[in-house]
N, C-alpha and C. Protein backbone atom coordinates (compact mmCIF):
# COMPACT_ATOMS: atom_id res chain seq x y z
N UNK A 1 8.00 -4.35 -13.09
CA UNK A 1 7.68 -4.49 -11.69
C UNK A 1 6.16 -4.43 -11.52
N UNK A 2 5.60 -5.41 -10.83
CA UNK A 2 4.16 -5.45 -10.58
C UNK A 2 3.88 -4.78 -9.24
N UNK A 3 3.39 -3.57 -9.28
CA UNK A 3 3.16 -2.78 -8.08
C UNK A 3 2.14 -3.47 -7.18
N UNK A 4 1.09 -4.05 -7.77
CA UNK A 4 0.08 -4.73 -6.95
C UNK A 4 0.71 -5.84 -6.11
N UNK A 5 1.58 -6.63 -6.71
CA UNK A 5 2.23 -7.72 -5.97
C UNK A 5 3.11 -7.19 -4.84
N UNK A 6 3.78 -6.06 -5.08
CA UNK A 6 4.61 -5.44 -4.03
C UNK A 6 3.74 -4.95 -2.88
N UNK A 7 2.60 -4.35 -3.21
CA UNK A 7 1.67 -3.86 -2.19
C UNK A 7 1.12 -5.05 -1.40
N UNK A 8 0.75 -6.10 -2.10
CA UNK A 8 0.22 -7.30 -1.46
C UNK A 8 1.25 -7.88 -0.48
N UNK A 9 2.48 -7.96 -0.91
CA UNK A 9 3.57 -8.48 -0.07
C UNK A 9 3.74 -7.61 1.18
N UNK A 10 3.66 -6.29 1.02
CA UNK A 10 3.81 -5.37 2.15
C UNK A 10 2.63 -5.52 3.12
N UNK A 11 1.42 -5.69 2.60
CA UNK A 11 0.25 -5.89 3.47
C UNK A 11 0.42 -7.17 4.28
N UNK A 12 0.89 -8.22 3.65
CA UNK A 12 1.09 -9.49 4.36
C UNK A 12 2.21 -9.39 5.39
N UNK A 13 3.16 -8.51 5.14
CA UNK A 13 4.23 -8.28 6.11
C UNK A 13 3.67 -7.60 7.36
N UNK A 14 2.75 -6.66 7.16
CA UNK A 14 2.13 -5.92 8.26
C UNK A 14 1.09 -6.80 8.99
N UNK A 15 0.34 -7.59 8.23
CA UNK A 15 -0.70 -8.46 8.78
C UNK A 15 -0.43 -9.90 8.34
N UNK A 16 0.52 -10.58 8.98
CA UNK A 16 0.94 -11.92 8.53
C UNK A 16 -0.16 -12.97 8.49
N UNK A 17 -1.18 -12.87 9.34
CA UNK A 17 -2.23 -13.89 9.37
C UNK A 17 -3.37 -13.65 8.40
N UNK A 18 -3.28 -12.58 7.62
CA UNK A 18 -4.37 -12.20 6.72
C UNK A 18 -4.51 -13.19 5.57
N UNK A 19 -5.75 -13.49 5.22
CA UNK A 19 -6.04 -14.38 4.09
C UNK A 19 -5.64 -13.65 2.79
N UNK A 20 -4.66 -14.18 2.11
CA UNK A 20 -4.11 -13.55 0.91
C UNK A 20 -5.16 -13.31 -0.16
N UNK A 21 -6.17 -14.17 -0.23
CA UNK A 21 -7.20 -14.03 -1.27
C UNK A 21 -8.07 -12.79 -1.06
N UNK A 22 -8.04 -12.21 0.14
CA UNK A 22 -8.81 -11.00 0.41
C UNK A 22 -8.14 -9.75 -0.17
N UNK A 23 -6.85 -9.86 -0.49
CA UNK A 23 -6.11 -8.69 -0.98
C UNK A 23 -6.32 -8.55 -2.48
N UNK A 24 -7.31 -7.74 -2.81
CA UNK A 24 -7.65 -7.44 -4.21
C UNK A 24 -7.69 -5.92 -4.34
N UNK A 25 -7.59 -5.39 -5.55
CA UNK A 25 -7.59 -3.92 -5.71
C UNK A 25 -8.78 -3.22 -5.06
N UNK A 26 -9.95 -3.83 -5.08
CA UNK A 26 -11.14 -3.17 -4.54
C UNK A 26 -11.28 -3.33 -3.02
N UNK A 27 -10.40 -4.10 -2.39
CA UNK A 27 -10.50 -4.34 -0.94
C UNK A 27 -10.27 -3.06 -0.16
N UNK A 28 -11.20 -2.78 0.75
CA UNK A 28 -11.08 -1.62 1.64
C UNK A 28 -10.10 -1.97 2.75
N UNK A 29 -9.17 -1.06 3.03
CA UNK A 29 -8.13 -1.35 4.02
C UNK A 29 -8.72 -1.61 5.40
N UNK A 30 -9.64 -0.76 5.84
CA UNK A 30 -10.20 -0.92 7.18
C UNK A 30 -11.29 -1.98 7.22
N UNK A 31 -12.26 -1.85 6.34
CA UNK A 31 -13.43 -2.72 6.40
C UNK A 31 -13.14 -4.16 5.98
N UNK A 32 -12.38 -4.34 4.90
CA UNK A 32 -12.14 -5.68 4.37
C UNK A 32 -10.89 -6.34 4.94
N UNK A 33 -9.85 -5.54 5.16
CA UNK A 33 -8.57 -6.11 5.59
C UNK A 33 -8.27 -5.85 7.06
N UNK A 34 -9.13 -5.07 7.72
CA UNK A 34 -9.01 -4.78 9.15
C UNK A 34 -7.67 -4.13 9.50
N UNK A 35 -7.21 -3.21 8.63
CA UNK A 35 -5.98 -2.47 8.91
C UNK A 35 -6.35 -1.18 9.62
N UNK A 36 -5.87 -1.03 10.86
CA UNK A 36 -6.15 0.21 11.59
C UNK A 36 -5.11 1.27 11.21
N UNK A 37 -5.19 2.42 11.87
CA UNK A 37 -4.30 3.52 11.49
C UNK A 37 -2.82 3.17 11.73
N UNK A 38 -2.52 2.44 12.78
CA UNK A 38 -1.14 2.02 13.02
C UNK A 38 -0.66 1.06 11.93
N UNK A 39 -1.53 0.13 11.53
CA UNK A 39 -1.19 -0.79 10.44
C UNK A 39 -0.90 -0.03 9.15
N UNK A 40 -1.66 1.03 8.90
CA UNK A 40 -1.47 1.82 7.69
C UNK A 40 -0.12 2.53 7.71
N UNK A 41 0.29 3.01 8.89
CA UNK A 41 1.61 3.63 9.02
C UNK A 41 2.69 2.60 8.76
N UNK A 42 2.54 1.42 9.35
CA UNK A 42 3.51 0.34 9.13
C UNK A 42 3.56 -0.07 7.66
N UNK A 43 2.40 -0.10 7.02
CA UNK A 43 2.33 -0.42 5.60
C UNK A 43 3.07 0.62 4.77
N UNK A 44 2.86 1.89 5.07
CA UNK A 44 3.56 2.96 4.36
C UNK A 44 5.07 2.82 4.52
N UNK A 45 5.52 2.53 5.74
CA UNK A 45 6.95 2.36 5.99
C UNK A 45 7.51 1.16 5.24
N UNK A 46 6.76 0.06 5.22
CA UNK A 46 7.20 -1.14 4.50
C UNK A 46 7.34 -0.85 3.01
N UNK A 47 6.38 -0.12 2.45
CA UNK A 47 6.43 0.23 1.03
C UNK A 47 7.58 1.20 0.74
N UNK A 48 7.80 2.14 1.64
CA UNK A 48 8.91 3.08 1.48
C UNK A 48 10.24 2.32 1.45
N UNK A 49 10.40 1.37 2.37
CA UNK A 49 11.63 0.56 2.42
C UNK A 49 11.81 -0.25 1.14
N UNK A 50 10.73 -0.86 0.70
CA UNK A 50 10.78 -1.73 -0.48
C UNK A 50 11.07 -0.95 -1.77
N UNK A 51 10.47 0.23 -1.90
CA UNK A 51 10.53 0.96 -3.16
C UNK A 51 11.45 2.18 -3.14
N UNK A 52 11.91 2.56 -1.97
CA UNK A 52 12.75 3.75 -1.88
C UNK A 52 11.98 5.03 -2.15
N UNK A 53 10.70 5.03 -1.82
CA UNK A 53 9.83 6.19 -2.02
C UNK A 53 9.46 6.78 -0.67
N UNK A 54 9.05 8.04 -0.68
CA UNK A 54 8.52 8.65 0.53
C UNK A 54 7.03 8.88 0.34
N UNK A 55 6.23 8.29 1.21
CA UNK A 55 4.78 8.45 1.16
C UNK A 55 4.37 9.42 2.26
N UNK A 56 3.89 10.57 1.88
CA UNK A 56 3.52 11.61 2.85
C UNK A 56 2.23 11.24 3.57
N UNK A 57 2.11 11.72 4.80
CA UNK A 57 0.92 11.44 5.61
C UNK A 57 -0.35 11.90 4.90
N UNK A 58 -0.27 13.07 4.25
CA UNK A 58 -1.45 13.59 3.55
C UNK A 58 -1.88 12.65 2.43
N UNK A 59 -0.91 12.08 1.73
CA UNK A 59 -1.21 11.14 0.64
C UNK A 59 -1.86 9.88 1.20
N UNK A 60 -1.33 9.38 2.29
CA UNK A 60 -1.88 8.16 2.87
C UNK A 60 -3.26 8.39 3.46
N UNK A 61 -3.58 9.63 3.80
CA UNK A 61 -4.90 9.95 4.33
C UNK A 61 -6.00 9.78 3.30
N UNK A 62 -5.63 9.84 2.02
CA UNK A 62 -6.59 9.69 0.93
C UNK A 62 -6.68 8.26 0.41
N UNK A 63 -6.06 7.34 1.11
CA UNK A 63 -6.01 5.94 0.69
C UNK A 63 -7.07 5.15 1.42
N UNK A 64 -7.95 4.50 0.66
CA UNK A 64 -9.01 3.71 1.28
C UNK A 64 -9.01 2.26 0.80
N UNK A 65 -8.46 2.01 -0.39
CA UNK A 65 -8.45 0.65 -0.94
C UNK A 65 -7.04 0.25 -1.34
N UNK A 66 -6.87 -1.03 -1.58
CA UNK A 66 -5.59 -1.54 -2.08
C UNK A 66 -5.28 -0.87 -3.42
N UNK A 67 -6.28 -0.71 -4.26
CA UNK A 67 -6.11 -0.06 -5.55
C UNK A 67 -5.62 1.37 -5.43
N UNK A 68 -6.08 2.08 -4.38
CA UNK A 68 -5.62 3.44 -4.14
C UNK A 68 -4.12 3.46 -3.88
N UNK A 69 -3.64 2.50 -3.10
CA UNK A 69 -2.20 2.43 -2.81
C UNK A 69 -1.43 2.17 -4.10
N UNK A 70 -1.91 1.22 -4.89
CA UNK A 70 -1.24 0.88 -6.16
C UNK A 70 -1.18 2.12 -7.05
N UNK A 71 -2.29 2.84 -7.18
CA UNK A 71 -2.32 4.04 -8.04
C UNK A 71 -1.35 5.10 -7.53
N UNK A 72 -1.29 5.31 -6.23
CA UNK A 72 -0.38 6.30 -5.65
C UNK A 72 1.07 5.94 -5.96
N UNK A 73 1.42 4.68 -5.75
CA UNK A 73 2.80 4.26 -5.99
C UNK A 73 3.14 4.35 -7.46
N UNK A 74 2.22 3.91 -8.33
CA UNK A 74 2.48 3.99 -9.78
C UNK A 74 2.69 5.44 -10.20
N UNK A 75 1.91 6.37 -9.64
CA UNK A 75 2.08 7.78 -10.01
C UNK A 75 3.43 8.30 -9.52
N UNK A 76 3.85 7.89 -8.33
CA UNK A 76 5.15 8.32 -7.81
C UNK A 76 6.30 7.73 -8.64
N UNK A 77 6.15 6.49 -9.08
CA UNK A 77 7.20 5.87 -9.89
C UNK A 77 7.31 6.58 -11.24
N UNK A 78 6.20 7.00 -11.82
CA UNK A 78 6.23 7.73 -13.09
C UNK A 78 6.93 9.07 -12.93
N UNK A 79 6.64 9.76 -11.83
CA UNK A 79 7.28 11.05 -11.55
C UNK A 79 8.78 10.87 -11.40
N UNK A 80 9.21 9.82 -10.69
CA UNK A 80 10.63 9.57 -10.49
C UNK A 80 11.34 9.29 -11.81
N UNK A 81 10.68 8.53 -12.70
CA UNK A 81 11.30 8.21 -13.99
C UNK A 81 11.51 9.48 -14.83
N UNK A 82 10.53 10.41 -14.74
CA UNK A 82 10.65 11.65 -15.50
C UNK A 82 11.74 12.54 -14.91
N UNK A 83 11.86 12.51 -13.58
CA UNK A 83 12.80 13.39 -12.89
C UNK A 83 14.18 12.89 -13.06
């Protein structure tokens, strides 16, 4: 499973008119992708639905880039596999 592609798909679901080429790991959610706090909540919900994970508000507060989201999800998936 390519976590980056899943995150990209979820971002496009939240922001359908967004230029897909802007979604790169280093892209800043607010500055580069213009995702406000409500968009970030919707993004978290979309990812939770897609992956069956729970993303806590505190965790999402530390997310600033697309790469941060990918790293968070990958770490949660590793924990689930061990558990």
